[in-house]
Amino acid sequence: MTLRVNRRLKYPAPVKIDIGCKDNTKPGFSGIDILDFGQDIVWDVTEGLPIQDEFVEEIYCSHFLEHLKVDQIQDFFCEMHRVCKDGSQIEIKVPHSDTIESYYSCHFSRWNESRIQGIVKGLMQGYHFDIDSMEKVGIELIVTLIVRKK
């Protein structure tokens, strides 16, 4: 059973969330991680995001997605879409699939430009993201998505 704690998330103002933050929450964001590092929310995001619909204005997700199993990816993207407002920005950083780092034993999914494009195009009807930018920088694939609700 996962410990669930929502310490300091300030409602009702729209929020910015850092998913998989560990002990390094991005300044100005509320952190979410499955382990307790002192961040705002301790939560297993594979069970959904503990945030109301269309409430988030920005998501930062650095070196988290590669820890999801392939069969969890679509549900996670749908959850991010659910909690985001129209026009919200999602910044993703993952090890690029052509690097050794992407093959660490704790990484269950591999990421490259084709995977991002496939996810964005292959999501169920009603879940829309625009790719604002996508580039490989060092070992990382850095992607900015814009949430579209209309």
N, C-alpha and C. Protein backbone atom coordinates (compact mmCIF):
# COMPACT_ATOMS: atom_id res chain seq x y z
N MET A 1 0.84 -1.19 0.00
CA MET A 1 0.00 0.00 0.00
C MET A 1 0.88 1.25 0.00
N THR A 2 0.52 2.21 -0.80
CA THR A 2 1.27 3.45 -0.93
C THR A 2 0.80 4.45 0.11
N LEU A 3 1.77 5.06 0.80
CA LEU A 3 1.47 6.15 1.71
C LEU A 3 1.01 7.35 0.90
N ARG A 4 -0.09 7.95 1.28
CA ARG A 4 -0.61 9.10 0.55
C ARG A 4 -0.62 10.32 1.46
N VAL A 5 0.10 11.33 1.07
CA VAL A 5 0.18 12.54 1.86
C VAL A 5 0.05 13.74 0.92
N ASN A 6 -0.81 14.66 1.27
CA ASN A 6 -0.89 15.93 0.56
C ASN A 6 -0.61 16.99 1.62
N ARG A 7 0.66 17.41 1.70
CA ARG A 7 1.09 18.29 2.78
C ARG A 7 0.69 19.74 2.60
N ARG A 8 1.09 20.30 1.47
CA ARG A 8 1.02 21.75 1.36
C ARG A 8 0.46 22.24 0.03
N LEU A 9 -0.23 21.42 -0.72
CA LEU A 9 -0.74 21.88 -2.00
C LEU A 9 -1.76 22.97 -1.74
N LYS A 10 -1.53 24.12 -2.30
CA LYS A 10 -2.33 25.31 -2.00
C LYS A 10 -3.50 25.41 -2.97
N TYR A 11 -4.67 24.99 -2.55
CA TYR A 11 -5.88 25.15 -3.34
C TYR A 11 -6.53 26.45 -2.90
N PRO A 12 -7.33 27.13 -3.64
CA PRO A 12 -7.88 26.76 -4.93
C PRO A 12 -7.10 27.31 -6.11
N ALA A 13 -5.95 27.94 -5.91
CA ALA A 13 -5.19 28.50 -7.05
C ALA A 13 -4.69 27.39 -7.97
N PRO A 14 -4.71 27.62 -9.29
CA PRO A 14 -4.13 26.64 -10.20
C PRO A 14 -2.67 26.38 -9.83
N VAL A 15 -2.23 25.19 -10.11
CA VAL A 15 -0.91 24.79 -9.62
C VAL A 15 0.01 24.38 -10.76
N LYS A 16 1.28 24.34 -10.42
CA LYS A 16 2.32 23.77 -11.26
C LYS A 16 2.84 22.57 -10.50
N ILE A 17 2.98 21.42 -11.18
CA ILE A 17 3.42 20.22 -10.49
C ILE A 17 4.68 19.63 -11.12
N ASP A 18 5.52 19.10 -10.27
CA ASP A 18 6.76 18.44 -10.66
C ASP A 18 6.58 16.96 -10.31
N ILE A 19 6.40 16.13 -11.32
CA ILE A 19 6.10 14.71 -11.12
C ILE A 19 7.39 13.90 -11.10
N GLY A 20 7.57 13.12 -10.03
CA GLY A 20 8.78 12.31 -9.88
C GLY A 20 9.96 13.16 -9.43
N CYS A 21 9.70 14.10 -8.56
CA CYS A 21 10.68 15.13 -8.19
C CYS A 21 11.80 14.65 -7.27
N LYS A 22 11.60 13.54 -6.59
CA LYS A 22 12.53 13.11 -5.54
C LYS A 22 12.73 14.25 -4.55
N ASP A 23 13.99 14.56 -4.22
CA ASP A 23 14.25 15.61 -3.24
C ASP A 23 14.66 16.92 -3.90
N ASN A 24 14.26 17.11 -5.16
CA ASN A 24 14.70 18.27 -5.93
C ASN A 24 13.52 18.89 -6.69
N THR A 25 12.49 19.30 -5.96
CA THR A 25 11.31 19.91 -6.59
C THR A 25 11.71 21.21 -7.28
N LYS A 26 11.25 21.36 -8.52
CA LYS A 26 11.52 22.59 -9.28
C LYS A 26 10.92 23.78 -8.53
N PRO A 27 11.68 24.88 -8.37
CA PRO A 27 11.16 26.05 -7.66
C PRO A 27 9.85 26.54 -8.27
N GLY A 28 8.88 26.86 -7.41
CA GLY A 28 7.58 27.34 -7.83
C GLY A 28 6.59 26.25 -8.16
N PHE A 29 7.00 24.99 -8.01
CA PHE A 29 6.16 23.84 -8.32
C PHE A 29 5.85 23.06 -7.05
N SER A 30 4.75 22.32 -7.07
CA SER A 30 4.42 21.36 -6.01
C SER A 30 4.92 20.00 -6.46
N GLY A 31 5.73 19.36 -5.63
CA GLY A 31 6.32 18.08 -5.99
C GLY A 31 5.43 16.90 -5.67
N ILE A 32 5.48 15.89 -6.56
CA ILE A 32 4.78 14.62 -6.35
C ILE A 32 5.80 13.50 -6.56
N ASP A 33 5.90 12.60 -5.59
CA ASP A 33 6.75 11.43 -5.73
C ASP A 33 6.16 10.30 -4.91
N ILE A 34 6.46 9.07 -5.29
CA ILE A 34 5.94 7.91 -4.57
C ILE A 34 6.61 7.74 -3.21
N LEU A 35 7.85 8.22 -3.08
CA LEU A 35 8.57 8.17 -1.81
C LEU A 35 8.55 9.54 -1.15
N ASP A 36 8.67 9.56 0.16
CA ASP A 36 8.58 10.80 0.92
C ASP A 36 9.96 11.45 1.05
N PHE A 37 10.16 12.51 0.27
CA PHE A 37 11.39 13.30 0.34
C PHE A 37 11.13 14.66 0.97
N GLY A 38 9.93 14.85 1.52
CA GLY A 38 9.54 16.14 2.08
C GLY A 38 8.80 17.02 1.08
N GLN A 39 8.49 16.48 -0.10
CA GLN A 39 7.76 17.25 -1.11
C GLN A 39 6.29 17.39 -0.70
N ASP A 40 5.51 18.14 -1.49
CA ASP A 40 4.12 18.42 -1.14
C ASP A 40 3.24 17.18 -1.14
N ILE A 41 3.40 16.31 -2.13
CA ILE A 41 2.49 15.17 -2.27
C ILE A 41 3.29 13.87 -2.37
N VAL A 42 2.94 12.91 -1.53
CA VAL A 42 3.48 11.56 -1.62
C VAL A 42 2.37 10.71 -2.22
N TRP A 43 2.63 10.19 -3.44
CA TRP A 43 1.55 9.54 -4.17
C TRP A 43 2.13 8.67 -5.28
N ASP A 44 1.50 7.55 -5.54
CA ASP A 44 1.84 6.69 -6.67
C ASP A 44 1.02 7.17 -7.86
N VAL A 45 1.65 7.89 -8.78
CA VAL A 45 0.91 8.50 -9.88
C VAL A 45 0.40 7.46 -10.88
N THR A 46 0.82 6.22 -10.78
CA THR A 46 0.24 5.19 -11.64
C THR A 46 -1.19 4.87 -11.21
N GLU A 47 -1.61 5.39 -10.06
CA GLU A 47 -2.99 5.25 -9.59
C GLU A 47 -3.82 6.48 -9.95
N GLY A 48 -3.27 7.36 -10.76
CA GLY A 48 -3.92 8.62 -11.12
C GLY A 48 -3.26 9.78 -10.41
N LEU A 49 -3.65 10.97 -10.77
CA LEU A 49 -3.12 12.17 -10.13
C LEU A 49 -4.16 12.71 -9.16
N PRO A 50 -3.76 13.02 -7.92
CA PRO A 50 -4.72 13.45 -6.89
C PRO A 50 -5.06 14.94 -7.00
N ILE A 51 -5.48 15.33 -8.19
CA ILE A 51 -5.74 16.73 -8.49
C ILE A 51 -7.02 16.79 -9.31
N GLN A 52 -7.82 17.82 -9.07
CA GLN A 52 -9.09 17.94 -9.79
C GLN A 52 -8.88 18.25 -11.27
N ASP A 53 -9.90 18.03 -12.06
CA ASP A 53 -9.86 18.25 -13.50
C ASP A 53 -9.54 19.71 -13.83
N GLU A 54 -8.75 19.89 -14.89
CA GLU A 54 -8.44 21.20 -15.47
C GLU A 54 -8.00 22.21 -14.41
N PHE A 55 -7.05 21.83 -13.60
CA PHE A 55 -6.59 22.65 -12.49
C PHE A 55 -5.11 23.03 -12.60
N VAL A 56 -4.36 22.29 -13.40
CA VAL A 56 -2.90 22.47 -13.48
C VAL A 56 -2.55 23.33 -14.68
N GLU A 57 -1.66 24.29 -14.45
CA GLU A 57 -1.23 25.16 -15.55
C GLU A 57 0.11 24.74 -16.14
N GLU A 58 0.89 23.94 -15.40
CA GLU A 58 2.17 23.48 -15.93
C GLU A 58 2.61 22.21 -15.22
N ILE A 59 3.19 21.28 -16.00
CA ILE A 59 3.76 20.04 -15.44
C ILE A 59 5.21 19.96 -15.87
N TYR A 60 6.05 19.61 -14.91
CA TYR A 60 7.46 19.34 -15.17
C TYR A 60 7.69 17.88 -14.79
N CYS A 61 8.31 17.14 -15.70
CA CYS A 61 8.45 15.70 -15.52
C CYS A 61 9.85 15.30 -15.98
N SER A 62 10.83 15.36 -15.08
CA SER A 62 12.22 15.11 -15.43
C SER A 62 12.66 13.74 -14.93
N HIS A 63 13.03 12.90 -15.87
CA HIS A 63 13.56 11.56 -15.58
C HIS A 63 12.61 10.75 -14.71
N PHE A 64 11.34 10.78 -15.10
CA PHE A 64 10.33 9.95 -14.47
C PHE A 64 9.70 8.96 -15.45
N LEU A 65 9.36 9.44 -16.64
CA LEU A 65 8.60 8.60 -17.58
C LEU A 65 9.27 7.28 -17.90
N GLU A 66 10.59 7.26 -17.94
CA GLU A 66 11.30 6.02 -18.26
C GLU A 66 11.10 4.93 -17.19
N HIS A 67 10.60 5.32 -16.02
CA HIS A 67 10.32 4.35 -14.96
C HIS A 67 8.94 3.72 -15.09
N LEU A 68 8.11 4.24 -16.01
CA LEU A 68 6.80 3.65 -16.27
C LEU A 68 6.95 2.44 -17.17
N LYS A 69 6.12 1.45 -16.93
CA LYS A 69 6.06 0.31 -17.84
C LYS A 69 5.26 0.74 -19.07
N VAL A 70 5.53 0.11 -20.18
CA VAL A 70 4.90 0.51 -21.45
C VAL A 70 3.38 0.54 -21.33
N ASP A 71 2.79 -0.42 -20.60
CA ASP A 71 1.33 -0.46 -20.49
C ASP A 71 0.76 0.62 -19.56
N GLN A 72 1.60 1.41 -18.91
CA GLN A 72 1.16 2.50 -18.04
C GLN A 72 1.21 3.87 -18.73
N ILE A 73 1.89 3.93 -19.86
CA ILE A 73 2.17 5.22 -20.49
C ILE A 73 0.90 5.93 -20.95
N GLN A 74 0.03 5.25 -21.67
CA GLN A 74 -1.17 5.90 -22.19
C GLN A 74 -2.04 6.44 -21.05
N ASP A 75 -2.26 5.65 -20.01
CA ASP A 75 -3.08 6.11 -18.89
C ASP A 75 -2.46 7.33 -18.23
N PHE A 76 -1.13 7.36 -18.11
CA PHE A 76 -0.47 8.49 -17.48
C PHE A 76 -0.65 9.76 -18.32
N PHE A 77 -0.50 9.65 -19.64
CA PHE A 77 -0.71 10.82 -20.49
C PHE A 77 -2.16 11.30 -20.42
N CYS A 78 -3.10 10.38 -20.36
CA CYS A 78 -4.51 10.76 -20.22
C CYS A 78 -4.76 11.48 -18.89
N GLU A 79 -4.10 11.03 -17.83
CA GLU A 79 -4.24 11.69 -16.53
C GLU A 79 -3.65 13.10 -16.56
N MET A 80 -2.48 13.25 -17.19
CA MET A 80 -1.91 14.60 -17.30
C MET A 80 -2.88 15.51 -18.06
N HIS A 81 -3.46 14.99 -19.12
CA HIS A 81 -4.43 15.77 -19.91
C HIS A 81 -5.63 16.15 -19.05
N ARG A 82 -6.13 15.21 -18.26
CA ARG A 82 -7.31 15.46 -17.41
C ARG A 82 -7.08 16.61 -16.44
N VAL A 83 -5.93 16.64 -15.78
CA VAL A 83 -5.70 17.64 -14.73
C VAL A 83 -5.27 18.99 -15.28
N CYS A 84 -4.82 19.04 -16.54
CA CYS A 84 -4.32 20.29 -17.11
C CYS A 84 -5.45 21.13 -17.70
N LYS A 85 -5.25 22.44 -17.63
CA LYS A 85 -6.13 23.39 -18.31
C LYS A 85 -5.75 23.42 -19.78
N ASP A 86 -6.66 23.91 -20.61
CA ASP A 86 -6.34 24.11 -22.02
C ASP A 86 -5.17 25.09 -22.13
N GLY A 87 -4.17 24.72 -22.92
CA GLY A 87 -3.00 25.57 -23.10
C GLY A 87 -1.89 25.32 -22.11
N SER A 88 -2.10 24.43 -21.16
CA SER A 88 -1.05 24.12 -20.18
C SER A 88 0.16 23.54 -20.88
N GLN A 89 1.31 23.76 -20.28
CA GLN A 89 2.57 23.27 -20.83
C GLN A 89 3.07 22.08 -20.00
N ILE A 90 3.56 21.06 -20.70
CA ILE A 90 4.17 19.90 -20.05
C ILE A 90 5.60 19.79 -20.56
N GLU A 91 6.56 19.90 -19.66
CA GLU A 91 7.97 19.74 -20.03
C GLU A 91 8.43 18.37 -19.58
N ILE A 92 8.97 17.60 -20.51
CA ILE A 92 9.40 16.23 -20.27
C ILE A 92 10.90 16.12 -20.56
N LYS A 93 11.62 15.49 -19.66
CA LYS A 93 13.03 15.16 -19.89
C LYS A 93 13.20 13.67 -19.59
N VAL A 94 13.73 12.95 -20.56
CA VAL A 94 13.96 11.51 -20.42
C VAL A 94 15.30 11.18 -21.08
N PRO A 95 15.93 10.06 -20.67
CA PRO A 95 17.12 9.64 -21.41
C PRO A 95 16.71 9.22 -22.83
N HIS A 96 17.43 9.70 -23.82
CA HIS A 96 17.14 9.32 -25.20
C HIS A 96 17.47 7.84 -25.40
N SER A 97 16.67 7.17 -26.21
CA SER A 97 16.82 5.72 -26.39
C SER A 97 18.14 5.30 -27.03
N ASP A 98 18.87 6.23 -27.63
CA ASP A 98 20.15 5.85 -28.21
C ASP A 98 21.33 6.01 -27.24
N THR A 99 21.00 6.21 -25.94
CA THR A 99 22.06 6.34 -24.93
C THR A 99 22.07 5.13 -23.99
N ILE A 100 23.19 4.85 -23.42
CA ILE A 100 23.33 3.75 -22.45
C ILE A 100 22.40 3.97 -21.26
N GLU A 101 22.24 5.22 -20.85
CA GLU A 101 21.41 5.53 -19.69
C GLU A 101 19.98 5.05 -19.85
N SER A 102 19.48 4.99 -21.06
CA SER A 102 18.10 4.55 -21.27
C SER A 102 17.93 3.06 -20.97
N TYR A 103 19.04 2.35 -20.88
CA TYR A 103 18.99 0.90 -20.65
C TYR A 103 19.27 0.51 -19.21
N TYR A 104 19.33 1.46 -18.29
CA TYR A 104 19.49 1.11 -16.88
C TYR A 104 18.37 0.17 -16.48
N SER A 105 18.64 -0.72 -15.56
CA SER A 105 17.66 -1.76 -15.20
C SER A 105 16.38 -1.19 -14.58
N CYS A 106 16.43 0.00 -14.04
CA CYS A 106 15.23 0.61 -13.45
C CYS A 106 14.39 1.36 -14.48
N HIS A 107 14.84 1.38 -15.74
CA HIS A 107 14.10 2.04 -16.81
C HIS A 107 13.32 1.01 -17.60
N PHE A 108 12.00 1.13 -17.56
CA PHE A 108 11.11 0.14 -18.18
C PHE A 108 10.62 0.54 -19.56
N SER A 109 10.81 1.79 -19.92
CA SER A 109 10.38 2.25 -21.24
C SER A 109 11.49 3.09 -21.86
N ARG A 110 11.61 3.02 -23.17
CA ARG A 110 12.62 3.75 -23.92
C ARG A 110 11.95 4.90 -24.65
N TRP A 111 12.65 6.02 -24.76
CA TRP A 111 12.05 7.24 -25.30
C TRP A 111 12.88 7.83 -26.42
N ASN A 112 12.21 8.17 -27.50
CA ASN A 112 12.83 8.90 -28.60
C ASN A 112 11.73 9.72 -29.29
N GLU A 113 12.12 10.43 -30.34
CA GLU A 113 11.18 11.30 -31.02
C GLU A 113 9.97 10.54 -31.56
N SER A 114 10.21 9.34 -32.08
CA SER A 114 9.11 8.55 -32.63
C SER A 114 8.12 8.12 -31.56
N ARG A 115 8.61 7.77 -30.38
CA ARG A 115 7.69 7.38 -29.29
C ARG A 115 6.80 8.56 -28.91
N ILE A 116 7.38 9.73 -28.74
CA ILE A 116 6.59 10.92 -28.39
C ILE A 116 5.54 11.19 -29.47
N GLN A 117 5.96 11.19 -30.73
CA GLN A 117 5.03 11.45 -31.82
C GLN A 117 3.94 10.38 -31.87
N GLY A 118 4.29 9.13 -31.63
CA GLY A 118 3.31 8.05 -31.63
C GLY A 118 2.30 8.18 -30.51
N ILE A 119 2.77 8.58 -29.33
CA ILE A 119 1.86 8.77 -28.19
C ILE A 119 0.89 9.91 -28.49
N VAL A 120 1.43 11.03 -28.94
CA VAL A 120 0.60 12.20 -29.20
C VAL A 120 -0.45 11.90 -30.28
N LYS A 121 -0.05 11.19 -31.33
CA LYS A 121 -0.99 10.88 -32.42
C LYS A 121 -1.88 9.69 -32.10
N GLY A 122 -1.43 8.81 -31.21
CA GLY A 122 -2.16 7.58 -30.97
C GLY A 122 -3.08 7.57 -29.77
N LEU A 123 -3.15 8.68 -29.02
CA LEU A 123 -4.05 8.73 -27.87
C LEU A 123 -5.50 8.70 -28.32
N MET A 124 -6.34 8.25 -27.41
CA MET A 124 -7.77 8.18 -27.70
C MET A 124 -8.33 9.54 -28.07
N GLN A 125 -9.41 9.54 -28.82
CA GLN A 125 -10.06 10.77 -29.22
C GLN A 125 -10.40 11.60 -27.98
N GLY A 126 -10.17 12.89 -28.05
CA GLY A 126 -10.46 13.78 -26.94
C GLY A 126 -9.23 14.14 -26.11
N TYR A 127 -8.13 13.46 -26.35
CA TYR A 127 -6.88 13.74 -25.64
C TYR A 127 -5.88 14.30 -26.64
N HIS A 128 -5.72 15.61 -26.64
CA HIS A 128 -4.88 16.24 -27.65
C HIS A 128 -3.72 16.99 -27.02
N PHE A 129 -2.55 16.79 -27.61
CA PHE A 129 -1.34 17.51 -27.23
C PHE A 129 -0.69 18.00 -28.52
N ASP A 130 -0.15 19.21 -28.49
CA ASP A 130 0.69 19.70 -29.57
C ASP A 130 2.14 19.58 -29.11
N ILE A 131 3.01 19.17 -30.00
CA ILE A 131 4.44 19.16 -29.69
C ILE A 131 4.96 20.57 -30.00
N ASP A 132 5.31 21.30 -28.95
CA ASP A 132 5.81 22.66 -29.10
C ASP A 132 7.30 22.64 -29.47
N SER A 133 8.04 21.74 -28.82
CA SER A 133 9.46 21.58 -29.14
C SER A 133 9.91 20.18 -28.73
N MET A 134 10.95 19.70 -29.41
CA MET A 134 11.50 18.39 -29.09
C MET A 134 12.93 18.35 -29.63
N GLU A 135 13.88 18.10 -28.74
CA GLU A 135 15.27 18.01 -29.18
C GLU A 135 16.08 17.12 -28.25
N LYS A 136 17.12 16.53 -28.82
CA LYS A 136 18.06 15.74 -28.04
C LYS A 136 19.18 16.67 -27.61
N VAL A 137 19.42 16.72 -26.30
CA VAL A 137 20.49 17.53 -25.74
C VAL A 137 21.31 16.61 -24.84
N GLY A 138 22.53 16.29 -25.24
CA GLY A 138 23.34 15.34 -24.48
C GLY A 138 22.66 13.99 -24.47
N ILE A 139 22.44 13.45 -23.27
CA ILE A 139 21.77 12.15 -23.16
C ILE A 139 20.25 12.28 -23.15
N GLU A 140 19.75 13.52 -23.05
CA GLU A 140 18.32 13.73 -22.83
C GLU A 140 17.54 14.03 -24.09
N LEU A 141 16.31 13.56 -24.10
CA LEU A 141 15.30 14.03 -25.03
C LEU A 141 14.46 15.01 -24.22
N ILE A 142 14.39 16.25 -24.69
CA ILE A 142 13.65 17.30 -24.00
C ILE A 142 12.47 17.69 -24.88
N VAL A 143 11.26 17.56 -24.30
CA VAL A 143 10.03 17.76 -25.06
C VAL A 143 9.15 18.75 -24.31
N THR A 144 8.54 19.65 -25.05
CA THR A 144 7.51 20.52 -24.50
C THR A 144 6.21 20.25 -25.25
N LEU A 145 5.20 19.86 -24.51
CA LEU A 145 3.87 19.61 -25.05
C LEU A 145 2.93 20.71 -24.59
N ILE A 146 1.96 21.03 -25.41
CA ILE A 146 0.89 21.95 -25.05
C ILE A 146 -0.41 21.17 -25.05
N VAL A 147 -1.15 21.27 -23.96
CA VAL A 147 -2.42 20.55 -23.81
C VAL A 147 -3.50 21.30 -24.59
N ARG A 148 -4.26 20.55 -25.38
CA ARG A 148 -5.38 21.10 -26.14
C ARG A 148 -6.66 20.41 -25.71
N LYS A 149 -7.64 21.18 -25.28
CA LYS A 149 -8.93 20.64 -24.82
C LYS A 149 -10.01 20.81 -25.87
N LYS A 150 -9.77 21.59 -26.91
CA LYS A 150 -10.83 21.87 -27.90
C LYS A 150 -10.51 21.23 -29.21
